[in-house]
Amino acid sequence: MWYWECFTPHPPVIIPEVGKGRELDASRTIEGMNTLSSLASTNPPDTILLLSPHAPFSGGLTISLAEQYSGDFARFAASRTGLSLRGAAAEGERLARILEETFPVITTYRKESPLDHGSLVPLFFLRKRGVSLPSLVVANPIGLSPSEAYRLGQALPHAPLQGSWALVASGDLSHRVTPDAPAGFSPFGREFDGMIVEAFQSNDPGALLALGEREMDEAGECGLRSALLFLGLGEKRQIRSLSYEAPFGVGYATAFASLHCAPLLARSALSEGVRFGREAAEKAAARFLDFPELQEKAACFVSLKIRSHETKEEQLRGCIGTILPSYSSLLEEIVENTLAAAQRDPRFMPVTPEELENISLSVDILSTPEPVSSLDMLDPHRFGVLVEKNGRRGVLLPDLEGVDTVEQQLSIAARKAGILSLERSSISRFSVHRLKEDAE
């Protein structure tokens, strides 16, 4: 499941330890990087696929698998500034096996692989803003043709991957924008950069795919393939073009897109349903029929929270969900549970239109529950629990504030169902993809 994607430049000069003041000349880029990092922090993924045109390269899409990735900015006189991240070798190999059936993919294996500046710069900003970076797969797309890069991006949402993923597409634009540019000046440099920005704003890769070899050479770029793969993965999504500038004669652009529209669907159903009723909510949901992640059958919970004017803290305002799918698609499941959370949670009065602007929401998408044979199989931070006894059923989602032990989790789940003793009860676990609305 893909959570989000971002397109980033990679000039080391925007790292304060490298720039030593010169980074201030790229203030728009730094602002864009901070914004996309803030957006990314809302839904941290399990694995990041990072594209860098400066990563190890052996042809085609070169995927560099490693147990550990590490690097620093020693080449730029900042050797004490670096990163070390765990590699997702098994997940990366699974991705490679899927993609190589259709695309030219070369996979390399090392116990430890270096991180180039094309990887380090975006990761530096992501970590700075608190994005969880638990595991990494690094790939170099420079050996793909433009059309292959775009089609590969289109293929990623359909790859049967495990866990949650995000794409970080790193690439600078033209290196020939101004007379003092490092690769020399070309009038086409600024034009090429305008085409990239326009493609992000319109989510239309047509002009980029029509570029000839001579034009690409004249642009002097290193980010076209990353940009096209970003556009392919974000097809039909709302892409936020965050910034563009060329302070050192090289074009830098930032952009971001959410790749799972469950929170946006829930927001649409909530707003329309509360204001105008069920028919309006269903009509709003029809706009999401073409998104593949909503066509599968899956159970879900929709949680509503409201900000207190006095304390500014969020309090629960409604939460309704299903343990097993009740409808033919996740889209229907989300719409029904959103309306139920807003209007039929017995603990609360129905949500009013005046409350909508102060309500935040999240959607938890559940896996199929599996029985556990031992409490060692439970983890209140990773798995939700289902407790059943004598026809009663209690459920509790994972990773809830104040629930830190298995015993606490089971006790609360049982109490919710009126189960007084866990003896002779059946216990199942399930995993959850928790998706929140993007931070503004």
Protein backbone atom coordinates (compact mmCIF):
# COMPACT_ATOMS: atom_id res chain seq x y z
CA MET A 1 0.00 0.00 0.00
CA TRP A 2 1.42 3.37 -1.06
CA TYR A 3 0.96 6.24 1.39
CA TRP A 4 2.60 9.22 -0.32
CA GLU A 5 5.29 10.37 -2.74
CA CYS A 6 7.47 13.43 -3.05
CA PHE A 7 9.78 14.95 -5.64
CA THR A 8 12.83 16.69 -4.22
CA PRO A 9 16.05 18.32 -5.43
CA HIS A 10 19.35 17.31 -3.88
CA PRO A 11 21.78 20.25 -3.66
CA PRO A 12 24.07 19.70 -0.64
CA VAL A 13 24.34 23.47 -0.27
CA ILE A 14 20.86 23.59 1.35
CA ILE A 15 22.19 21.56 4.28
CA PRO A 16 23.26 24.24 6.81
CA GLU A 17 26.47 22.38 7.73
CA VAL A 18 27.43 22.43 4.06
CA GLY A 19 26.01 25.77 2.97
CA LYS A 20 27.35 27.74 5.93
CA GLY A 21 25.04 30.61 5.05
CA ARG A 22 24.79 30.09 1.28
CA GLU A 23 21.69 27.96 1.84
CA LEU A 24 19.80 31.20 2.43
CA ASP A 25 20.01 31.85 -1.32
CA ALA A 26 17.77 28.80 -1.79
CA SER A 27 15.13 29.79 0.76
CA ARG A 28 12.18 28.81 -1.47
CA THR A 29 13.63 25.34 -1.90
CA ILE A 30 14.21 24.94 1.83
CA GLU A 31 10.65 26.07 2.50
CA GLY A 32 9.37 23.55 -0.04
CA MET A 33 11.45 20.77 1.50
CA ASN A 34 10.15 21.62 4.97
CA THR A 35 6.57 21.64 3.70
CA LEU A 36 6.78 18.28 1.97
CA SER A 37 8.51 16.81 5.02
CA SER A 38 5.67 18.07 7.21
CA LEU A 39 3.12 16.51 4.84
CA ALA A 40 5.04 13.23 4.81
CA SER A 41 5.20 13.08 8.61
CA THR A 42 1.41 12.62 8.85
CA ASN A 43 1.55 9.03 7.59
CA PRO A 44 5.00 7.46 8.15
CA PRO A 45 5.53 4.40 5.92
CA ASP A 46 7.20 1.08 6.67
CA THR A 47 9.50 1.37 3.65
CA ILE A 48 10.75 4.19 1.46
CA LEU A 49 11.72 3.60 -2.16
CA LEU A 50 14.25 6.31 -2.91
CA LEU A 51 15.20 7.19 -6.48
CA SER A 52 18.54 8.91 -6.99
CA PRO A 53 20.27 9.49 -10.34
CA HIS A 54 23.60 9.42 -8.48
CA ALA A 55 23.11 6.06 -6.74
CA PRO A 56 25.09 2.99 -7.92
CA PHE A 57 24.23 2.24 -11.53
CA SER A 58 24.49 -0.91 -13.65
CA GLY A 59 21.81 -0.25 -16.28
CA GLY A 60 18.02 -0.02 -16.51
CA LEU A 61 16.49 0.55 -13.10
CA THR A 62 19.34 -0.37 -10.78
CA ILE A 63 18.06 -1.42 -7.35
CA SER A 64 20.81 -1.44 -4.72
CA LEU A 65 19.79 -3.76 -1.92
CA ALA A 66 21.59 -3.65 1.40
CA GLU A 67 21.19 -4.51 5.06
CA GLN A 68 22.39 -1.01 5.92
CA TYR A 69 22.69 2.26 4.04
CA SER A 70 24.98 5.01 5.29
CA GLY A 71 26.68 8.14 4.05
CA ASP A 72 27.84 11.63 4.97
CA PHE A 73 28.70 14.97 3.41
CA ALA A 74 32.48 14.56 3.68
CA ARG A 75 32.85 15.47 -0.01
CA PHE A 76 31.29 18.80 0.88
CA ALA A 77 33.43 19.51 3.96
CA ALA A 78 30.79 18.33 6.44
CA SER A 79 31.91 14.83 7.40
CA ARG A 80 30.11 14.95 10.76
CA THR A 81 26.73 15.31 9.05
CA GLY A 82 25.45 11.96 7.84
CA LEU A 83 22.81 9.27 8.09
CA SER A 84 22.61 5.54 8.60
CA LEU A 85 19.39 3.65 7.86
CA ARG A 86 18.31 0.04 7.91
CA GLY A 87 17.84 -1.52 4.50
CA ALA A 88 14.70 -3.36 3.41
CA ALA A 89 16.48 -6.02 1.38
CA ALA A 90 13.70 -8.62 1.41
CA GLU A 91 11.03 -6.09 0.44
CA GLY A 92 13.31 -4.62 -2.22
CA GLU A 93 14.01 -8.02 -3.72
CA ARG A 94 10.28 -8.75 -3.87
CA LEU A 95 9.74 -5.46 -5.68
CA ALA A 96 12.57 -6.22 -8.10
CA ARG A 97 11.14 -9.66 -8.96
CA ILE A 98 7.76 -8.10 -9.72
CA LEU A 99 9.12 -5.26 -11.86
CA GLU A 100 11.67 -7.27 -13.84
CA GLU A 101 8.86 -9.16 -15.56
CA THR A 102 8.08 -5.98 -17.53
CA PHE A 103 10.98 -3.55 -17.13
CA PRO A 104 14.78 -3.64 -17.38
CA VAL A 105 15.77 -4.12 -13.75
CA ILE A 106 19.22 -4.91 -12.39
CA THR A 107 19.56 -5.80 -8.73
CA THR A 108 22.77 -5.60 -6.70
CA TYR A 109 23.35 -6.89 -3.16
CA ARG A 110 25.73 -5.56 -0.51
CA LYS A 111 25.80 -5.84 3.25
CA GLU A 112 26.31 -2.09 3.43
CA SER A 113 25.69 0.36 0.62
CA PRO A 114 26.76 4.01 0.44
CA LEU A 115 24.26 6.84 0.30
CA ASP A 116 25.06 9.50 -2.30
CA HIS A 117 24.06 13.15 -1.96
CA GLY A 118 20.98 12.52 -4.14
CA SER A 119 19.73 10.28 -1.32
CA LEU A 120 21.18 12.07 1.68
CA VAL A 121 19.70 15.52 1.06
CA PRO A 122 16.00 14.50 0.98
CA LEU A 123 16.49 12.03 3.84
CA PHE A 124 18.12 14.77 5.91
CA PHE A 125 15.03 16.95 5.60
CA LEU A 126 12.61 14.09 6.18
CA ARG A 127 14.36 13.06 9.38
CA LYS A 128 14.64 16.68 10.48
CA ARG A 129 10.84 16.98 10.44
CA GLY A 130 10.31 13.76 12.36
CA VAL A 131 9.35 11.36 9.57
CA SER A 132 9.97 7.78 10.63
CA LEU A 133 12.61 6.24 8.38
CA PRO A 134 12.59 2.58 9.43
CA SER A 135 13.84 0.97 6.22
CA LEU A 136 15.04 1.94 2.77
CA VAL A 137 15.35 0.66 -0.78
CA VAL A 138 17.57 2.75 -3.09
CA ALA A 139 17.25 2.68 -6.87
CA ASN A 140 18.77 4.60 -9.77
CA PRO A 141 16.28 5.20 -12.65
CA ILE A 142 18.73 6.86 -15.04
CA GLY A 143 18.89 3.78 -17.32
CA LEU A 144 15.17 3.86 -18.10
CA SER A 145 13.78 5.61 -21.13
CA PRO A 146 11.33 8.42 -20.28
CA SER A 147 8.37 6.28 -21.31
CA GLU A 148 9.66 3.33 -19.27
CA ALA A 149 10.05 5.57 -16.22
CA TYR A 150 6.46 6.79 -16.50
CA ARG A 151 5.03 3.32 -17.09
CA LEU A 152 7.02 1.90 -14.19
CA GLY A 153 5.46 4.54 -11.94
CA GLN A 154 2.02 3.54 -13.21
CA ALA A 155 2.81 -0.11 -12.40
CA LEU A 156 3.84 0.45 -8.77
CA PRO A 157 0.30 0.81 -7.30
CA HIS A 158 -0.58 -2.61 -8.71
CA ALA A 159 2.50 -4.42 -7.33
CA PRO A 160 1.47 -6.80 -4.51
CA LEU A 161 3.80 -5.37 -1.88
CA GLN A 162 3.68 -5.94 1.86
CA GLY A 163 3.35 -3.15 4.39
CA SER A 164 3.18 0.56 3.63
CA TRP A 165 5.43 2.34 1.14
CA ALA A 166 6.37 5.86 0.09
CA LEU A 167 8.36 7.15 -2.88
CA VAL A 168 11.07 9.78 -2.62
CA ALA A 169 11.99 10.82 -6.17
CA SER A 170 15.20 12.82 -6.07
CA GLY A 171 16.43 14.86 -9.03
CA ASP A 172 17.67 18.30 -9.98
CA LEU A 173 16.26 19.93 -13.10
CA SER A 174 18.28 21.79 -15.74
CA HIS A 175 21.90 22.57 -14.88
CA ARG A 176 21.93 25.29 -17.58
CA VAL A 177 19.42 27.87 -16.42
CA THR A 178 21.67 30.95 -16.10
CA PRO A 179 24.95 32.14 -17.67
CA ASP A 180 26.88 31.13 -14.54
CA ALA A 181 25.32 27.64 -14.40
CA PRO A 182 27.73 24.75 -13.75
CA ALA A 183 26.99 23.03 -17.08
CA GLY A 184 26.97 26.21 -19.17
CA PHE A 185 23.98 28.23 -20.29
CA SER A 186 21.22 27.09 -22.62
CA PRO A 187 17.99 29.00 -23.39
CA PHE A 188 16.24 25.64 -23.22
CA GLY A 189 17.23 25.20 -19.57
CA ARG A 190 14.58 27.52 -18.20
CA GLU A 191 12.03 26.17 -20.70
CA PHE A 192 12.68 22.60 -19.60
CA ASP A 193 12.22 23.53 -15.96
CA GLY A 194 8.93 25.24 -16.81
CA MET A 195 7.77 22.02 -18.46
CA ILE A 196 8.52 20.03 -15.30
CA VAL A 197 6.68 22.48 -13.05
CA GLU A 198 3.72 22.60 -15.44
CA ALA A 199 3.62 18.79 -15.52
CA PHE A 200 3.41 18.74 -11.72
CA GLN A 201 0.72 21.42 -11.61
CA SER A 202 -1.45 19.78 -14.27
CA ASN A 203 -0.44 16.17 -13.54
CA ASP A 204 0.14 15.73 -17.26
CA PRO A 205 3.43 14.17 -18.47
CA GLY A 206 2.63 14.66 -22.18
CA ALA A 207 5.15 17.40 -22.96
CA LEU A 208 7.93 15.60 -21.06
CA LEU A 209 7.28 12.32 -22.85
CA ALA A 210 7.47 14.14 -26.19
CA LEU A 211 11.01 15.42 -25.57
CA GLY A 212 13.65 14.22 -28.01
CA GLU A 213 17.20 13.10 -27.21
CA ARG A 214 18.63 16.42 -28.39
CA GLU A 215 16.32 18.41 -26.12
CA MET A 216 17.13 16.24 -23.11
CA ASP A 217 20.85 16.71 -23.76
CA GLU A 218 20.33 20.46 -24.14
CA ALA A 219 18.48 20.59 -20.80
CA GLY A 220 21.44 19.15 -18.93
CA GLU A 221 19.17 17.53 -16.33
CA CYS A 222 19.43 14.64 -13.91
CA GLY A 223 15.83 14.49 -12.67
CA LEU A 224 13.63 13.74 -15.69
CA ARG A 225 13.29 10.00 -15.01
CA SER A 226 12.61 10.61 -11.32
CA ALA A 227 9.98 13.20 -12.25
CA LEU A 228 8.26 10.89 -14.74
CA LEU A 229 8.22 7.97 -12.32
CA PHE A 230 6.75 10.34 -9.71
CA LEU A 231 4.06 11.40 -12.21
CA GLY A 232 3.30 7.80 -13.15
CA LEU A 233 2.77 6.73 -9.56
CA GLY A 234 0.71 9.87 -8.91
CA GLU A 235 -1.49 9.47 -11.98
CA LYS A 236 -4.94 11.03 -11.36
CA ARG A 237 -3.84 12.20 -7.90
CA GLN A 238 -3.77 15.76 -6.67
CA ILE A 239 -0.12 16.81 -6.89
CA ARG A 240 0.98 19.79 -4.85
CA SER A 241 3.68 21.75 -6.66
CA LEU A 242 5.38 23.38 -3.67
CA SER A 243 8.34 25.38 -4.98
CA TYR A 244 10.68 26.16 -7.86
CA GLU A 245 13.80 28.29 -8.15
CA ALA A 246 17.25 28.19 -9.75
CA PRO A 247 19.48 30.18 -7.37
CA PHE A 248 22.78 28.68 -8.54
CA GLY A 249 21.89 28.15 -12.19
CA VAL A 250 20.37 24.74 -11.43
CA GLY A 251 16.60 24.19 -11.25
CA TYR A 252 15.20 22.92 -7.95
CA ALA A 253 11.56 21.82 -7.65
CA THR A 254 9.58 20.24 -4.83
CA ALA A 255 6.22 18.46 -5.07
CA PHE A 256 4.08 16.11 -3.00
CA ALA A 257 1.11 13.78 -3.51
CA SER A 258 -0.93 11.56 -1.22
CA LEU A 259 -1.34 8.13 -2.80
CA HIS A 260 -4.17 6.64 -0.75
CA CYS A 261 -7.36 8.66 -0.92
CA ALA A 262 -9.20 7.00 1.98
CA PRO A 263 -9.00 10.13 4.22
CA LEU A 264 -10.09 12.39 1.36
CA LEU A 265 -13.04 10.10 0.60
CA ALA A 266 -14.03 10.06 4.26
CA ARG A 267 -13.79 13.86 4.45
CA SER A 268 -16.02 14.24 1.38
CA ALA A 269 -18.59 11.80 2.76
CA LEU A 270 -18.52 13.51 6.16
CA SER A 271 -18.94 17.05 4.83
CA GLU A 272 -21.63 16.25 2.29
CA GLY A 273 -23.45 13.76 4.51
CA VAL A 274 -23.66 16.06 7.54
CA ARG A 275 -24.75 19.05 5.46
CA PHE A 276 -27.04 17.50 2.87
CA GLY A 277 -27.67 13.85 3.74
CA ARG A 278 -26.80 10.36 2.54
CA GLU A 279 -27.58 10.91 -1.15
CA ALA A 280 -25.14 13.83 -1.28
CA ALA A 281 -22.46 11.75 0.46
CA GLU A 282 -22.88 8.92 -2.05
CA LYS A 283 -22.71 11.37 -4.94
CA ALA A 284 -19.48 12.82 -3.56
CA ALA A 285 -18.06 9.30 -3.18
CA ALA A 286 -18.71 8.56 -6.86
CA ARG A 287 -15.72 10.79 -7.72
CA PHE A 288 -13.45 8.15 -6.17
CA LEU A 289 -14.67 5.12 -8.14
CA ASP A 290 -11.58 4.97 -10.37
CA PHE A 291 -9.02 4.69 -7.57
CA PRO A 292 -7.79 1.08 -7.38
CA GLU A 293 -6.99 1.09 -3.65
CA LEU A 294 -10.69 1.60 -2.89
CA GLN A 295 -11.97 -1.29 -4.99
CA GLU A 296 -10.72 -4.12 -2.77
CA LYS A 297 -12.90 -5.54 -0.03
CA ALA A 298 -11.64 -4.58 3.41
CA ALA A 299 -12.96 -3.74 6.85
CA CYS A 300 -12.24 -0.32 8.30
CA PHE A 301 -12.80 2.03 11.20
CA VAL A 302 -13.43 5.75 10.78
CA SER A 303 -12.52 7.92 13.77
CA LEU A 304 -13.60 11.53 14.25
CA LYS A 305 -11.94 13.90 16.71
CA ILE A 306 -12.87 17.47 17.57
CA ARG A 307 -10.60 20.25 18.76
CA SER A 308 -11.57 21.87 22.04
CA HIS A 309 -11.73 25.68 21.86
CA GLU A 310 -10.60 25.88 25.48
CA THR A 311 -7.72 23.38 25.63
CA LYS A 312 -6.94 23.07 21.89
CA GLU A 313 -6.71 19.33 22.49
CA GLU A 314 -8.56 16.75 20.38
CA GLN A 315 -11.30 14.61 21.87
CA LEU A 316 -13.09 11.64 20.35
CA ARG A 317 -16.28 12.69 18.53
CA GLY A 318 -17.26 9.39 16.95
CA CYS A 319 -15.78 6.06 15.91
CA ILE A 320 -17.53 3.26 14.03
CA GLY A 321 -16.00 0.36 12.16
CA THR A 322 -16.19 -3.21 10.95
CA ILE A 323 -13.96 -6.18 11.76
CA LEU A 324 -14.87 -8.05 8.58
CA PRO A 325 -15.95 -6.43 5.29
CA SER A 326 -19.67 -5.69 5.15
CA TYR A 327 -19.75 -4.21 1.63
CA SER A 328 -18.40 -5.04 -1.80
CA SER A 329 -15.61 -2.46 -1.72
CA LEU A 330 -13.51 -0.41 0.67
CA LEU A 331 -15.09 2.70 -0.85
CA GLU A 332 -18.55 1.67 0.36
CA GLU A 333 -17.14 0.55 3.70
CA ILE A 334 -15.57 3.97 4.31
CA VAL A 335 -18.67 5.91 3.31
CA GLU A 336 -20.96 3.83 5.54
CA ASN A 337 -18.65 3.94 8.54
CA THR A 338 -18.03 7.67 8.14
CA LEU A 339 -21.74 8.43 8.18
CA ALA A 340 -22.24 6.05 11.10
CA ALA A 341 -19.41 7.64 13.10
CA ALA A 342 -20.89 11.10 12.49
CA GLN A 343 -24.55 10.26 13.08
CA ARG A 344 -25.02 6.91 14.81
CA ASP A 345 -22.32 6.48 17.43
CA PRO A 346 -24.50 5.92 20.55
CA ARG A 347 -21.97 7.71 22.75
CA PHE A 348 -22.44 11.06 21.02
CA MET A 349 -25.03 13.36 19.53
CA PRO A 350 -24.92 13.58 15.69
CA VAL A 351 -22.23 15.85 14.25
CA THR A 352 -23.57 19.26 13.21
CA PRO A 353 -22.46 21.34 10.20
CA GLU A 354 -21.02 23.95 12.58
CA GLU A 355 -18.59 21.38 14.01
CA LEU A 356 -17.09 20.25 10.70
CA GLU A 357 -14.23 22.74 10.51
CA ASN A 358 -12.97 21.62 13.92
CA ILE A 359 -13.16 17.89 13.22
CA SER A 360 -10.17 15.80 12.10
CA LEU A 361 -10.49 12.23 10.92
CA SER A 362 -8.52 9.07 10.30
CA VAL A 363 -9.28 5.81 8.52
CA ASP A 364 -7.96 2.48 9.81
CA ILE A 365 -7.94 -0.25 7.15
CA LEU A 366 -7.90 -3.71 8.72
CA SER A 367 -6.40 -7.01 7.66
CA THR A 368 -8.41 -10.20 8.10
CA PRO A 369 -8.24 -11.29 11.79
CA GLU A 370 -6.12 -14.37 12.51
CA PRO A 371 -6.38 -16.54 15.65
CA VAL A 372 -3.45 -16.42 18.07
CA SER A 373 -2.17 -19.48 19.90
CA SER A 374 -0.04 -17.53 22.36
CA LEU A 375 -0.08 -14.05 23.89
CA ASP A 376 3.49 -13.74 22.61
CA MET A 377 1.94 -13.20 19.17
CA LEU A 378 0.33 -9.95 20.36
CA ASP A 379 1.80 -6.47 20.41
CA PRO A 380 -0.49 -3.55 21.34
CA HIS A 381 1.54 -1.19 19.17
CA ARG A 382 1.48 -3.38 16.04
CA PHE A 383 -1.73 -5.42 16.21
CA GLY A 384 -5.34 -4.83 17.13
CA VAL A 385 -7.19 -7.55 19.04
CA LEU A 386 -10.56 -9.27 18.79
CA VAL A 387 -11.87 -11.05 21.90
CA GLU A 388 -14.88 -13.38 21.50
CA LYS A 389 -16.83 -15.39 24.10
CA ASN A 390 -20.39 -16.68 24.31
CA GLY A 391 -21.50 -14.71 21.29
CA ARG A 392 -19.97 -11.46 22.56
CA ARG A 393 -17.24 -9.70 20.61
CA GLY A 394 -14.89 -6.94 21.75
CA VAL A 395 -12.33 -5.21 19.58
CA LEU A 396 -9.54 -2.70 20.17
CA LEU A 397 -7.36 -1.00 17.56
CA PRO A 398 -3.57 -0.96 17.93
CA ASP A 399 -1.25 1.86 18.92
CA LEU A 400 -3.68 3.70 21.16
CA GLU A 401 -2.48 6.27 23.66
CA GLY A 402 -2.23 4.80 27.15
CA VAL A 403 -2.45 1.17 25.98
CA ASP A 404 1.08 -0.17 26.34
CA THR A 405 0.71 -3.81 27.36
CA VAL A 406 -1.04 -6.88 25.99
CA GLU A 407 -2.90 -7.26 29.27
CA GLN A 408 -4.29 -3.72 29.05
CA GLN A 409 -5.33 -4.22 25.45
CA LEU A 410 -7.16 -7.49 26.10
CA SER A 411 -8.83 -6.18 29.24
CA ILE A 412 -10.23 -3.12 27.46
CA ALA A 413 -11.39 -5.13 24.45
CA ALA A 414 -13.15 -7.66 26.71
CA ARG A 415 -14.73 -4.96 28.87
CA LYS A 416 -16.17 -3.21 25.80
CA ALA A 417 -18.09 -6.41 24.99
CA GLY A 418 -19.17 -7.12 28.55
CA ILE A 419 -16.83 -10.12 28.77
CA LEU A 420 -15.95 -10.48 32.46
CA SER A 421 -13.23 -13.12 32.15
CA LEU A 422 -10.80 -14.02 29.37
CA GLU A 423 -10.88 -17.67 30.37
CA ARG A 424 -12.07 -19.86 27.44
CA SER A 425 -12.34 -16.84 25.17
CA SER A 426 -10.95 -16.84 21.64
CA ILE A 427 -8.44 -14.15 20.72
CA SER A 428 -7.50 -12.96 17.24
CA ARG A 429 -5.17 -10.26 16.01
CA PHE A 430 -5.24 -7.99 12.98
CA SER A 431 -2.95 -5.39 11.50
CA VAL A 432 -3.99 -1.88 10.56
CA HIS A 433 -3.03 0.73 8.00
CA ARG A 434 -3.86 3.98 9.77
CA LEU A 435 -4.28 6.90 7.39
CA LYS A 436 -4.68 10.47 8.59
CA GLU A 437 -5.51 13.60 6.66
CA ASP A 438 -2.52 15.52 5.36
CA ALA A 439 -1.18 18.24 7.61
CA GLU A 440 -1.85 21.62 6.03
